[in-house]
C-alpha atoms as a PDB file:
ATOM      1  CA  MET A   1      83.487 -30.462 -38.879  1.00  0.00           C
ATOM      2  CA  PRO A   2      84.373 -28.109 -36.041  1.00  0.00           C
ATOM      3  CA  PHE A   3      83.169 -28.773 -32.537  1.00  0.00           C
ATOM      4  CA  PRO A   4      80.353 -26.593 -31.179  1.00  0.00           C
ATOM      5  CA  PRO A   5      81.322 -23.801 -28.835  1.00  0.00           C
ATOM      6  CA  ASP A   6      80.908 -24.378 -25.102  1.00  0.00           C
ATOM      7  CA  ASN A   7      77.789 -22.247 -25.064  1.00  0.00           C
ATOM      8  CA  PRO A   8      76.321 -22.320 -28.598  1.00  0.00           C
ATOM      9  CA  PRO A   9      73.705 -19.740 -29.540  1.00  0.00           C
ATOM     10  CA  ARG A  10      70.089 -20.781 -29.120  1.00  0.00           C
ATOM     11  CA  VAL A  11      67.125 -19.816 -31.293  1.00  0.00           C
ATOM     12  CA  PHE A  12      63.419 -20.551 -31.241  1.00  0.00           C
ATOM     13  CA  SER A  13      62.491 -23.497 -33.442  1.00  0.00           C
ATOM     14  CA  VAL A  14      58.991 -23.409 -34.887  1.00  0.00           C
ATOM     15  CA  LEU A  15      59.040 -27.173 -35.475  1.00  0.00           C
ATOM     16  CA  ALA A  16      60.361 -28.069 -32.021  1.00  0.00           C
ATOM     17  CA  GLY A  17      58.277 -25.413 -30.265  1.00  0.00           C
ATOM     18  CA  ARG A  18      61.204 -24.365 -28.085  1.00  0.00           C
ATOM     19  CA  GLU A  19      64.686 -22.941 -28.186  1.00  0.00           C
ATOM     20  CA  VAL A  20      67.346 -25.183 -29.698  1.00  0.00           C
ATOM     21  CA  SER A  21      71.061 -24.875 -30.264  1.00  0.00           C
ATOM     22  CA  THR A  22      72.079 -23.472 -33.626  1.00  0.00           C
ATOM     23  CA  TRP A  23      74.502 -26.415 -33.751  1.00  0.00           C
ATOM     24  CA  SER A  24      71.772 -29.056 -33.299  1.00  0.00           C
ATOM     25  CA  GLU A  25      70.313 -31.452 -35.842  1.00  0.00           C
ATOM     26  CA  GLU A  26      66.891 -30.020 -34.960  1.00  0.00           C
ATOM     27  CA  TRP A  27      67.989 -26.595 -36.153  1.00  0.00           C
ATOM     28  CA  GLN A  28      69.661 -28.012 -39.249  1.00  0.00           C
ATOM     29  CA  HIS A  29      66.400 -29.791 -40.105  1.00  0.00           C
ATOM     30  CA  GLU A  30      64.340 -26.659 -39.510  1.00  0.00           C
ATOM     31  CA  CYS A  31      66.639 -24.620 -41.769  1.00  0.00           C
ATOM     32  CA  GLU A  32      66.248 -27.194 -44.538  1.00  0.00           C
ATOM     33  CA  VAL A  33      62.460 -27.280 -44.142  1.00  0.00           C
ATOM     34  CA  ARG A  34      62.231 -23.473 -44.012  1.00  0.00           C
ATOM     35  CA  PHE A  35      64.351 -23.205 -47.182  1.00  0.00           C
ATOM     36  CA  LEU A  36      62.196 -25.748 -49.015  1.00  0.00           C
ATOM     37  CA  ALA A  37      58.971 -24.109 -47.820  1.00  0.00           C
ATOM     38  CA  GLY A  38      60.173 -20.793 -49.271  1.00  0.00           C
ATOM     39  CA  LEU A  39      60.695 -22.180 -52.758  1.00  0.00           C
ATOM     40  CA  PRO A  40      58.036 -21.859 -55.441  1.00  0.00           C
ATOM     41  CA  LEU A  41      56.155 -25.172 -55.641  1.00  0.00           C
ATOM     42  CA  THR A  42      57.627 -26.141 -59.032  1.00  0.00           C
ATOM     43  CA  LYS A  43      61.182 -25.576 -57.825  1.00  0.00           C
ATOM     44  CA  ARG A  44      60.459 -27.344 -54.515  1.00  0.00           C
ATOM     45  CA  ASN A  45      59.200 -30.399 -56.394  1.00  0.00           C
ATOM     46  CA  GLN A  46      62.328 -30.372 -58.549  1.00  0.00           C
ATOM     47  CA  VAL A  47      64.559 -30.274 -55.478  1.00  0.00           C
ATOM     48  CA  LEU A  48      62.607 -33.042 -53.761  1.00  0.00           C
ATOM     49  CA  ASP A  49      61.915 -35.297 -56.751  1.00  0.00           C
ATOM     50  CA  GLY A  50      64.759 -34.418 -59.082  1.00  0.00           C
ATOM     51  CA  VAL A  51      64.786 -33.468 -62.728  1.00  0.00           C
ATOM     52  CA  LYS A  52      66.129 -35.894 -65.308  1.00  0.00           C
ATOM     53  CA  ASP A  53      69.762 -35.180 -66.183  1.00  0.00           C
ATOM     54  CA  GLU A  54      69.763 -31.815 -64.381  1.00  0.00           C
ATOM     55  CA  LEU A  55      69.232 -32.448 -60.706  1.00  0.00           C
ATOM     56  CA  ARG A  56      69.346 -35.671 -58.719  1.00  0.00           C
ATOM     57  CA  GLY A  57      66.906 -34.539 -56.104  1.00  0.00           C
ATOM     58  CA  ILE A  58      66.556 -35.506 -52.473  1.00  0.00           C
ATOM     59  CA  ARG A  59      64.503 -38.594 -53.431  1.00  0.00           C
ATOM     60  CA  ASN A  60      67.467 -40.091 -55.299  1.00  0.00           C
ATOM     61  CA  ILE A  61      69.884 -39.262 -52.492  1.00  0.00           C
ATOM     62  CA  ARG A  62      67.851 -40.035 -49.350  1.00  0.00           C
ATOM     63  CA  GLY A  63      64.954 -42.134 -50.638  1.00  0.00           C
ATOM     64  CA  ASP A  64      61.167 -41.966 -50.813  1.00  0.00           C
ATOM     65  CA  ALA A  65      60.577 -42.003 -47.052  1.00  0.00           C
ATOM     66  CA  ALA A  66      62.746 -38.907 -46.569  1.00  0.00           C
ATOM     67  CA  VAL A  67      60.781 -36.993 -49.192  1.00  0.00           C
ATOM     68  CA  VAL A  68      57.463 -38.008 -47.629  1.00  0.00           C
ATOM     69  CA  ARG A  69      58.743 -36.821 -44.238  1.00  0.00           C
ATOM     70  CA  LEU A  70      60.037 -33.537 -45.676  1.00  0.00           C
ATOM     71  CA  ARG A  71      56.740 -32.822 -47.442  1.00  0.00           C
ATOM     72  CA  ALA A  72      54.863 -33.408 -44.175  1.00  0.00           C
ATOM     73  CA  GLU A  73      57.305 -31.186 -42.276  1.00  0.00           C
ATOM     74  CA  ILE A  74      56.995 -28.433 -44.917  1.00  0.00           C
ATOM     75  CA  ASP A  75      53.202 -28.483 -44.496  1.00  0.00           C
ATOM     76  CA  ARG A  76      53.546 -28.520 -40.709  1.00  0.00           C
ATOM     77  CA  TYR A  77      56.048 -25.655 -40.784  1.00  0.00           C
ATOM     78  CA  ALA A  78      53.773 -23.570 -43.023  1.00  0.00           C
ATOM     79  CA  THR A  79      50.857 -24.110 -40.631  1.00  0.00           C
ATOM     80  CA  LEU A  80      52.876 -23.309 -37.505  1.00  0.00           C
ATOM     81  CA  ALA A  81      54.719 -20.336 -38.981  1.00  0.00           C
ATOM     82  CA  ASN A  82      51.448 -18.688 -40.055  1.00  0.00           C
ATOM     83  CA  HIS A  83      49.942 -18.745 -36.565  1.00  0.00           C
END
């Protein structure tokens, strides 16, 4: 992975409530949450929980706790983004 530039771009993070580097883990997390929040619920559940023989899902890769956290962050993002 390349190293971040000396002065990486900064953007406002809804989840963090402040500007963050576009190279930060905070921004990476927000991008993932924003992507998941934008999916139709059925597709989002497939991505999170997996579909037998078609898609492993985040649950199978990262575990139950990660999916619980992502679902909470998706709800939080939706609330914050709509205000």
